[in-house]
Amino acid sequence: MSSPKQIEANRANSLLSTGPTSSAGKAKVAHNAVKTGLTGRTVLLPSDDVAAYQAHVERVFRHRRLH
Protein backbone atom coordinates (compact mmCIF):
# COMPACT_ATOMS: atom_id res chain seq x y z
CA MET A 1 0.00 0.00 0.00
CA SER A 2 1.31 3.43 -0.91
CA SER A 3 1.67 6.03 1.80
CA PRO A 4 -0.09 9.38 1.45
CA LYS A 5 3.32 10.98 0.79
CA GLN A 6 4.03 8.52 -2.03
CA ILE A 7 0.63 9.13 -3.58
CA GLU A 8 1.18 12.88 -3.44
CA ALA A 9 4.64 12.52 -5.00
CA ASN A 10 3.26 10.28 -7.76
CA ARG A 11 0.54 12.78 -8.58
CA ALA A 12 3.02 15.65 -8.71
CA ASN A 13 5.37 13.61 -10.92
CA SER A 14 2.57 12.59 -13.28
CA LEU A 15 1.93 16.25 -14.10
CA LEU A 16 5.43 16.37 -15.59
CA SER A 17 4.99 13.15 -17.60
CA THR A 18 2.85 14.35 -20.48
CA GLY A 19 4.52 12.43 -23.32
CA PRO A 20 5.74 13.92 -26.57
CA THR A 21 4.38 17.31 -27.57
CA SER A 22 6.07 17.97 -30.91
CA SER A 23 4.85 16.46 -34.18
CA ALA A 24 8.18 14.69 -34.65
CA GLY A 25 8.03 13.21 -31.16
CA LYS A 26 4.46 11.99 -31.63
CA ALA A 27 5.35 10.43 -34.99
CA LYS A 28 8.30 8.61 -33.44
CA VAL A 29 6.38 7.09 -30.52
CA ALA A 30 3.46 6.12 -32.77
CA HIS A 31 5.58 3.11 -33.83
CA ASN A 32 6.45 1.89 -30.33
CA ALA A 33 3.73 -0.76 -30.30
CA VAL A 34 4.74 -1.92 -33.77
CA LYS A 35 8.26 -2.63 -32.52
CA THR A 36 6.93 -4.82 -29.73
CA GLY A 37 4.12 -6.41 -31.75
CA LEU A 38 1.34 -5.18 -29.48
CA THR A 39 -0.87 -3.78 -32.19
CA GLY A 40 -1.96 -4.69 -35.68
CA ARG A 41 -2.77 -1.18 -36.85
CA THR A 42 0.50 -0.45 -38.62
CA VAL A 43 1.85 -3.25 -40.77
CA LEU A 44 4.84 -1.46 -42.26
CA LEU A 45 7.33 0.95 -40.82
CA PRO A 46 8.14 4.04 -42.90
CA SER A 47 11.48 2.48 -43.88
CA ASP A 48 9.89 -0.78 -45.16
CA ASP A 49 9.53 -1.63 -48.85
CA VAL A 50 5.80 -1.54 -49.69
CA ALA A 51 6.17 -3.39 -53.01
CA ALA A 52 8.17 -6.20 -51.41
CA TYR A 53 5.57 -6.56 -48.66
CA GLN A 54 2.69 -6.68 -51.15
CA ALA A 55 4.51 -9.31 -53.21
CA HIS A 56 5.06 -11.38 -50.06
CA VAL A 57 1.36 -11.16 -49.10
CA GLU A 58 0.34 -12.26 -52.61
CA ARG A 59 2.71 -15.26 -52.41
CA VAL A 60 1.28 -16.28 -49.05
CA PHE A 61 -2.32 -16.10 -50.25
CA ARG A 62 -1.47 -17.90 -53.49
CA HIS A 63 0.22 -20.67 -51.48
CA ARG A 64 -2.78 -20.97 -49.12
CA ARG A 65 -5.19 -21.33 -52.05
CA LEU A 66 -3.12 -24.19 -53.46
CA HIS A 67 -3.00 -26.14 -50.19
PDB file of N, CA and C in Angstrom:
ATOM      1  N   MET A   1       0.846  -1.173   0.000  1.00  0.00           N
ATOM      2  CA  MET A   1       0.000   0.000   0.000  1.00  0.00           C
ATOM      3  C   MET A   1       0.891   1.234   0.000  1.00  0.00           C
ATOM      4  N   SER A   2       0.553   2.186  -0.832  1.00  0.00           N
ATOM      5  CA  SER A   2       1.312   3.430  -0.905  1.00  0.00           C
ATOM      6  C   SER A   2       0.927   4.357   0.238  1.00  0.00           C
ATOM      7  N   SER A   3       1.929   5.057   0.728  1.00  0.00           N
ATOM      8  CA  SER A   3       1.670   6.029   1.796  1.00  0.00           C
ATOM      9  C   SER A   3       1.090   7.299   1.179  1.00  0.00           C
ATOM     10  N   PRO A   4       0.439   8.118   1.979  1.00  0.00           N
ATOM     11  CA  PRO A   4      -0.095   9.382   1.449  1.00  0.00           C
ATOM     12  C   PRO A   4       0.995  10.246   0.810  1.00  0.00           C
ATOM     13  N   LYS A   5       2.212  10.202   1.372  1.00  0.00           N
ATOM     14  CA  LYS A   5       3.322  10.978   0.791  1.00  0.00           C
ATOM     15  C   LYS A   5       3.699  10.446  -0.588  1.00  0.00           C
ATOM     16  N   GLN A   6       3.705   9.114  -0.735  1.00  0.00           N
ATOM     17  CA  GLN A   6       4.030   8.518  -2.033  1.00  0.00           C
ATOM     18  C   GLN A   6       2.965   8.858  -3.071  1.00  0.00           C
ATOM     19  N   ILE A   7       1.729   8.793  -2.663  1.00  0.00           N
ATOM     20  CA  ILE A   7       0.625   9.127  -3.575  1.00  0.00           C
ATOM     21  C   ILE A   7       0.737  10.576  -4.028  1.00  0.00           C
ATOM     22  N   GLU A   8       1.030  11.452  -3.110  1.00  0.00           N
ATOM     23  CA  GLU A   8       1.183  12.876  -3.436  1.00  0.00           C
ATOM     24  C   GLU A   8       2.361  13.078  -4.396  1.00  0.00           C
ATOM     25  N   ALA A   9       3.471  12.404  -4.129  1.00  0.00           N
ATOM     26  CA  ALA A   9       4.640  12.517  -4.998  1.00  0.00           C
ATOM     27  C   ALA A   9       4.337  11.969  -6.389  1.00  0.00           C
ATOM     28  N   ASN A  10       3.627  10.852  -6.462  1.00  0.00           N
ATOM     29  CA  ASN A  10       3.257  10.277  -7.763  1.00  0.00           C
ATOM     30  C   ASN A  10       2.368  11.225  -8.560  1.00  0.00           C
ATOM     31  N   ARG A  11       1.433  11.837  -7.889  1.00  0.00           N
ATOM     32  CA  ARG A  11       0.536  12.778  -8.577  1.00  0.00           C
ATOM     33  C   ARG A  11       1.304  13.988  -9.101  1.00  0.00           C
ATOM     34  N   ALA A  12       2.218  14.502  -8.288  1.00  0.00           N
ATOM     35  CA  ALA A  12       3.025  15.654  -8.713  1.00  0.00           C
ATOM     36  C   ALA A  12       3.917  15.267  -9.895  1.00  0.00           C
ATOM     37  N   ASN A  13       4.494  14.072  -9.848  1.00  0.00           N
ATOM     38  CA  ASN A  13       5.367  13.612 -10.923  1.00  0.00           C
ATOM     39  C   ASN A  13       4.584  13.379 -12.216  1.00  0.00           C
ATOM     40  N   SER A  14       3.362  12.875 -12.084  1.00  0.00           N
ATOM     41  CA  SER A  14       2.570  12.586 -13.280  1.00  0.00           C
ATOM     42  C   SER A  14       2.229  13.853 -14.064  1.00  0.00           C
ATOM     43  N   LEU A  15       2.191  14.987 -13.398  1.00  0.00           N
ATOM     44  CA  LEU A  15       1.931  16.248 -14.097  1.00  0.00           C
ATOM     45  C   LEU A  15       3.075  16.618 -15.028  1.00  0.00           C
ATOM     46  N   LEU A  16       4.266  16.098 -14.748  1.00  0.00           N
ATOM     47  CA  LEU A  16       5.433  16.370 -15.588  1.00  0.00           C
ATOM     48  C   LEU A  16       5.573  15.358 -16.719  1.00  0.00           C
ATOM     49  N   SER A  17       4.877  14.240 -16.628  1.00  0.00           N
ATOM     50  CA  SER A  17       4.991  13.154 -17.604  1.00  0.00           C
ATOM     51  C   SER A  17       3.844  13.231 -18.597  1.00  0.00           C
ATOM     52  N   THR A  18       3.948  14.137 -19.543  1.00  0.00           N
ATOM     53  CA  THR A  18       2.850  14.349 -20.483  1.00  0.00           C
ATOM     54  C   THR A  18       3.076  13.693 -21.841  1.00  0.00           C
ATOM     55  N   GLY A  19       4.231  13.050 -22.036  1.00  0.00           N
ATOM     56  CA  GLY A  19       4.519  12.429 -23.320  1.00  0.00           C
ATOM     57  C   GLY A  19       5.021  13.448 -24.315  1.00  0.00           C
ATOM     58  N   PRO A  20       5.207  13.010 -25.553  1.00  0.00           N
ATOM     59  CA  PRO A  20       5.738  13.921 -26.572  1.00  0.00           C
ATOM     60  C   PRO A  20       4.732  15.009 -26.925  1.00  0.00           C
ATOM     61  N   THR A  21       5.258  16.200 -27.205  1.00  0.00           N
ATOM     62  CA  THR A  21       4.375  17.307 -27.569  1.00  0.00           C
ATOM     63  C   THR A  21       4.605  17.788 -28.995  1.00  0.00           C
ATOM     64  N   SER A  22       5.796  17.530 -29.538  1.00  0.00           N
ATOM     65  CA  SER A  22       6.070  17.971 -30.910  1.00  0.00           C
ATOM     66  C   SER A  22       5.535  16.944 -31.905  1.00  0.00           C
ATOM     67  N   SER A  23       5.319  17.372 -33.130  1.00  0.00           N
ATOM     68  CA  SER A  23       4.848  16.459 -34.182  1.00  0.00           C
ATOM     69  C   SER A  23       5.860  15.349 -34.431  1.00  0.00           C
ATOM     70  N   ALA A  24       7.141  15.700 -34.425  1.00  0.00           N
ATOM     71  CA  ALA A  24       8.184  14.689 -34.655  1.00  0.00           C
ATOM     72  C   ALA A  24       8.200  13.662 -33.527  1.00  0.00           C
ATOM     73  N   GLY A  25       8.055  14.120 -32.297  1.00  0.00           N
ATOM     74  CA  GLY A  25       8.028  13.205 -31.160  1.00  0.00           C
ATOM     75  C   GLY A  25       6.829  12.281 -31.192  1.00  0.00           C
ATOM     76  N   LYS A  26       5.675  12.811 -31.542  1.00  0.00           N
ATOM     77  CA  LYS A  26       4.461  11.995 -31.630  1.00  0.00           C
ATOM     78  C   LYS A  26       4.584  10.964 -32.745  1.00  0.00           C
ATOM     79  N   ALA A  27       5.171  11.366 -33.879  1.00  0.00           N
ATOM     80  CA  ALA A  27       5.348  10.432 -34.994  1.00  0.00           C
ATOM     81  C   ALA A  27       6.293   9.295 -34.604  1.00  0.00           C
ATOM     82  N   LYS A  28       7.326   9.625 -33.847  1.00  0.00           N
ATOM     83  CA  LYS A  28       8.297   8.609 -33.444  1.00  0.00           C
ATOM     84  C   LYS A  28       7.673   7.587 -32.496  1.00  0.00           C
ATOM     85  N   VAL A  29       6.942   8.029 -31.495  1.00  0.00           N
ATOM     86  CA  VAL A  29       6.377   7.094 -30.521  1.00  0.00           C
ATOM     87  C   VAL A  29       5.159   6.347 -31.065  1.00  0.00           C
ATOM     88  N   ALA A  30       4.607   6.806 -32.178  1.00  0.00           N
ATOM     89  CA  ALA A  30       3.465   6.117 -32.768  1.00  0.00           C
ATOM     90  C   ALA A  30       3.831   4.705 -33.206  1.00  0.00           C
ATOM     91  N   HIS A  31       5.123   4.435 -33.386  1.00  0.00           N
ATOM     92  CA  HIS A  31       5.577   3.114 -33.832  1.00  0.00           C
ATOM     93  C   HIS A  31       6.082   2.246 -32.688  1.00  0.00           C
ATOM     94  N   ASN A  32       5.969   2.689 -31.458  1.00  0.00           N
ATOM     95  CA  ASN A  32       6.450   1.890 -30.327  1.00  0.00           C
ATOM     96  C   ASN A  32       5.758   0.538 -30.249  1.00  0.00           C
ATOM     97  N   ALA A  33       4.455   0.498 -30.390  1.00  0.00           N
ATOM     98  CA  ALA A  33       3.733  -0.764 -30.299  1.00  0.00           C
ATOM     99  C   ALA A  33       4.073  -1.679 -31.464  1.00  0.00           C
ATOM    100  N   VAL A  34       4.375  -1.112 -32.615  1.00  0.00           N
ATOM    101  CA  VAL A  34       4.743  -1.924 -33.773  1.00  0.00           C
ATOM    102  C   VAL A  34       6.034  -2.684 -33.479  1.00  0.00           C
ATOM    103  N   LYS A  35       6.977  -2.007 -32.834  1.00  0.00           N
ATOM    104  CA  LYS A  35       8.262  -2.634 -32.522  1.00  0.00           C
ATOM    105  C   LYS A  35       8.098  -3.815 -31.579  1.00  0.00           C
ATOM    106  N   THR A  36       7.118  -3.751 -30.701  1.00  0.00           N
ATOM    107  CA  THR A  36       6.931  -4.822 -29.732  1.00  0.00           C
ATOM    108  C   THR A  36       5.829  -5.786 -30.143  1.00  0.00           C
ATOM    109  N   GLY A  37       5.155  -5.515 -31.252  1.00  0.00           N
ATOM    110  CA  GLY A  37       4.119  -6.408 -31.746  1.00  0.00           C
ATOM    111  C   GLY A  37       2.819  -6.355 -30.962  1.00  0.00           C
ATOM    112  N   LEU A  38       2.533  -5.260 -30.304  1.00  0.00           N
ATOM    113  CA  LEU A  38       1.337  -5.179 -29.478  1.00  0.00           C
ATOM    114  C   LEU A  38       0.106  -4.683 -30.221  1.00  0.00           C
ATOM    115  N   THR A  39       0.274  -4.287 -31.453  1.00  0.00           N
ATOM    116  CA  THR A  39      -0.874  -3.782 -32.195  1.00  0.00           C
ATOM    117  C   THR A  39      -0.796  -4.232 -33.645  1.00  0.00           C
ATOM    118  N   GLY A  40      -1.936  -4.317 -34.283  1.00  0.00           N
ATOM    119  CA  GLY A  40      -1.957  -4.686 -35.680  1.00  0.00           C
ATOM    120  C   GLY A  40      -2.332  -3.525 -36.580  1.00  0.00           C
ATOM    121  N   ARG A  41      -2.367  -2.330 -36.046  1.00  0.00           N
ATOM    122  CA  ARG A  41      -2.770  -1.177 -36.847  1.00  0.00           C
ATOM    123  C   ARG A  41      -1.788  -0.876 -37.960  1.00  0.00           C
ATOM    124  N   THR A  42      -0.522  -0.793 -37.640  1.00  0.00           N
ATOM    125  CA  THR A  42       0.500  -0.449 -38.617  1.00  0.00           C
ATOM    126  C   THR A  42       1.240  -1.704 -39.014  1.00  0.00           C
ATOM    127  N   VAL A  43       1.188  -2.041 -40.291  1.00  0.00           N
ATOM    128  CA  VAL A  43       1.850  -3.249 -40.768  1.00  0.00           C
ATOM    129  C   VAL A  43       3.287  -2.944 -41.146  1.00  0.00           C
ATOM    130  N   LEU A  44       3.511  -1.817 -41.771  1.00  0.00           N
ATOM    131  CA  LEU A  44       4.841  -1.457 -42.255  1.00  0.00           C
ATOM    132  C   LEU A  44       5.372  -0.224 -41.546  1.00  0.00           C
ATOM    133  N   LEU A  45       6.664  -0.233 -41.318  1.00  0.00           N
ATOM    134  CA  LEU A  45       7.332   0.955 -40.820  1.00  0.00           C
ATOM    135  C   LEU A  45       7.633   1.863 -42.009  1.00  0.00           C
ATOM    136  N   PRO A  46       7.861   3.136 -41.783  1.00  0.00           N
ATOM    137  CA  PRO A  46       8.138   4.039 -42.902  1.00  0.00           C
ATOM    138  C   PRO A  46       9.342   3.611 -43.737  1.00  0.00           C
ATOM    139  N   SER A  47      10.272   2.898 -43.143  1.00  0.00           N
ATOM    140  CA  SER A  47      11.475   2.477 -43.880  1.00  0.00           C
ATOM    141  C   SER A  47      11.278   1.163 -44.639  1.00  0.00           C
ATOM    142  N   ASP A  48      10.135   0.500 -44.497  1.00  0.00           N
ATOM    143  CA  ASP A  48       9.893  -0.781 -45.161  1.00  0.00           C
ATOM    144  C   ASP A  48       9.542  -0.593 -46.642  1.00  0.00           C
ATOM    145  N   ASP A  49       9.795  -1.634 -47.417  1.00  0.00           N
ATOM    146  CA  ASP A  49       9.531  -1.634 -48.854  1.00  0.00           C
ATOM    147  C   ASP A  49       8.093  -2.119 -49.096  1.00  0.00           C
ATOM    148  N   VAL A  50       7.217  -1.218 -49.500  1.00  0.00           N
ATOM    149  CA  VAL A  50       5.802  -1.541 -49.687  1.00  0.00           C
ATOM    150  C   VAL A  50       5.617  -2.586 -50.782  1.00  0.00           C
ATOM    151  N   ALA A  51       6.315  -2.446 -51.900  1.00  0.00           N
ATOM    152  CA  ALA A  51       6.167  -3.388 -53.014  1.00  0.00           C
ATOM    153  C   ALA A  51       6.604  -4.791 -52.604  1.00  0.00           C
ATOM    154  N   ALA A  52       7.696  -4.894 -51.861  1.00  0.00           N
ATOM    155  CA  ALA A  52       8.172  -6.205 -51.406  1.00  0.00           C
ATOM    156  C   ALA A  52       7.161  -6.835 -50.456  1.00  0.00           C
ATOM    157  N   TYR A  53       6.574  -6.041 -49.589  1.00  0.00           N
ATOM    158  CA  TYR A  53       5.567  -6.560 -48.660  1.00  0.00           C
ATOM    159  C   TYR A  53       4.335  -7.057 -49.419  1.00  0.00           C
ATOM    160  N   GLN A  54       3.869  -6.274 -50.379  1.00  0.00           N
ATOM    161  CA  GLN A  54       2.688  -6.678 -51.145  1.00  0.00           C
ATOM    162  C   GLN A  54       2.957  -7.962 -51.924  1.00  0.00           C
ATOM    163  N   ALA A  55       4.154  -8.096 -52.492  1.00  0.00           N
ATOM    164  CA  ALA A  55       4.512  -9.315 -53.211  1.00  0.00           C
ATOM    165  C   ALA A  55       4.520 -10.510 -52.254  1.00  0.00           C
ATOM    166  N   HIS A  56       5.033 -10.318 -51.059  1.00  0.00           N
ATOM    167  CA  HIS A  56       5.057 -11.385 -50.057  1.00  0.00           C
ATOM    168  C   HIS A  56       3.634 -11.811 -49.683  1.00  0.00           C
ATOM    169  N   VAL A  57       2.749 -10.852 -49.454  1.00  0.00           N
ATOM    170  CA  VAL A  57       1.363 -11.161 -49.100  1.00  0.00           C
ATOM    171  C   VAL A  57       0.700 -11.950 -50.227  1.00  0.00           C
ATOM    172  N   GLU A  58       0.926 -11.541 -51.470  1.00  0.00           N
ATOM    173  CA  GLU A  58       0.341 -12.262 -52.611  1.00  0.00           C
ATOM    174  C   GLU A  58       0.849 -13.693 -52.673  1.00  0.00           C
ATOM    175  N   ARG A  59       2.152 -13.899 -52.417  1.00  0.00           N
ATOM    176  CA  ARG A  59       2.709 -15.262 -52.411  1.00  0.00           C
ATOM    177  C   ARG A  59       2.070 -16.112 -51.314  1.00  0.00           C
ATOM    178  N   VAL A  60       1.880 -15.536 -50.157  1.00  0.00           N
ATOM    179  CA  VAL A  60       1.277 -16.281 -49.045  1.00  0.00           C
ATOM    180  C   VAL A  60      -0.149 -16.689 -49.397  1.00  0.00           C
ATOM    181  N   PHE A  61      -0.940 -15.763 -49.907  1.00  0.00           N
ATOM    182  CA  PHE A  61      -2.320 -16.100 -50.251  1.00  0.00           C
ATOM    183  C   PHE A  61      -2.394 -17.092 -51.407  1.00  0.00           C
ATOM    184  N   ARG A  62      -1.510 -16.952 -52.367  1.00  0.00           N
ATOM    185  CA  ARG A  62      -1.473 -17.898 -53.495  1.00  0.00           C
ATOM    186  C   ARG A  62      -1.135 -19.298 -52.972  1.00  0.00           C
ATOM    187  N   HIS A  63      -0.176 -19.394 -52.060  1.00  0.00           N
ATOM    188  CA  HIS A  63       0.223 -20.675 -51.478  1.00  0.00           C
ATOM    189  C   HIS A  63      -0.932 -21.283 -50.683  1.00  0.00           C
ATOM    190  N   ARG A  64      -1.647 -20.470 -49.938  1.00  0.00           N
ATOM    191  CA  ARG A  64      -2.775 -20.975 -49.120  1.00  0.00           C
ATOM    192  C   ARG A  64      -3.894 -21.495 -49.995  1.00  0.00           C
ATOM    193  N   ARG A  65      -4.132 -20.863 -51.145  1.00  0.00           N
ATOM    194  CA  ARG A  65      -5.190 -21.327 -52.049  1.00  0.00           C
ATOM    195  C   ARG A  65      -4.845 -22.675 -52.659  1.00  0.00           C
ATOM    196  N   LEU A  66      -3.549 -22.941 -52.841  1.00  0.00           N
ATOM    197  CA  LEU A  66      -3.118 -24.193 -53.457  1.00  0.00           C
ATOM    198  C   LEU A  66      -3.129 -25.358 -52.477  1.00  0.00           C
ATOM    199  N   HIS A  67      -3.086 -25.062 -51.188  1.00  0.00           N
ATOM    200  CA  HIS A  67      -3.000 -26.143 -50.194  1.00  0.00           C
ATOM    201  C   HIS A  67      -4.194 -26.225 -49.329  1.00  0.00           C
TER     202      HIS A  67
END
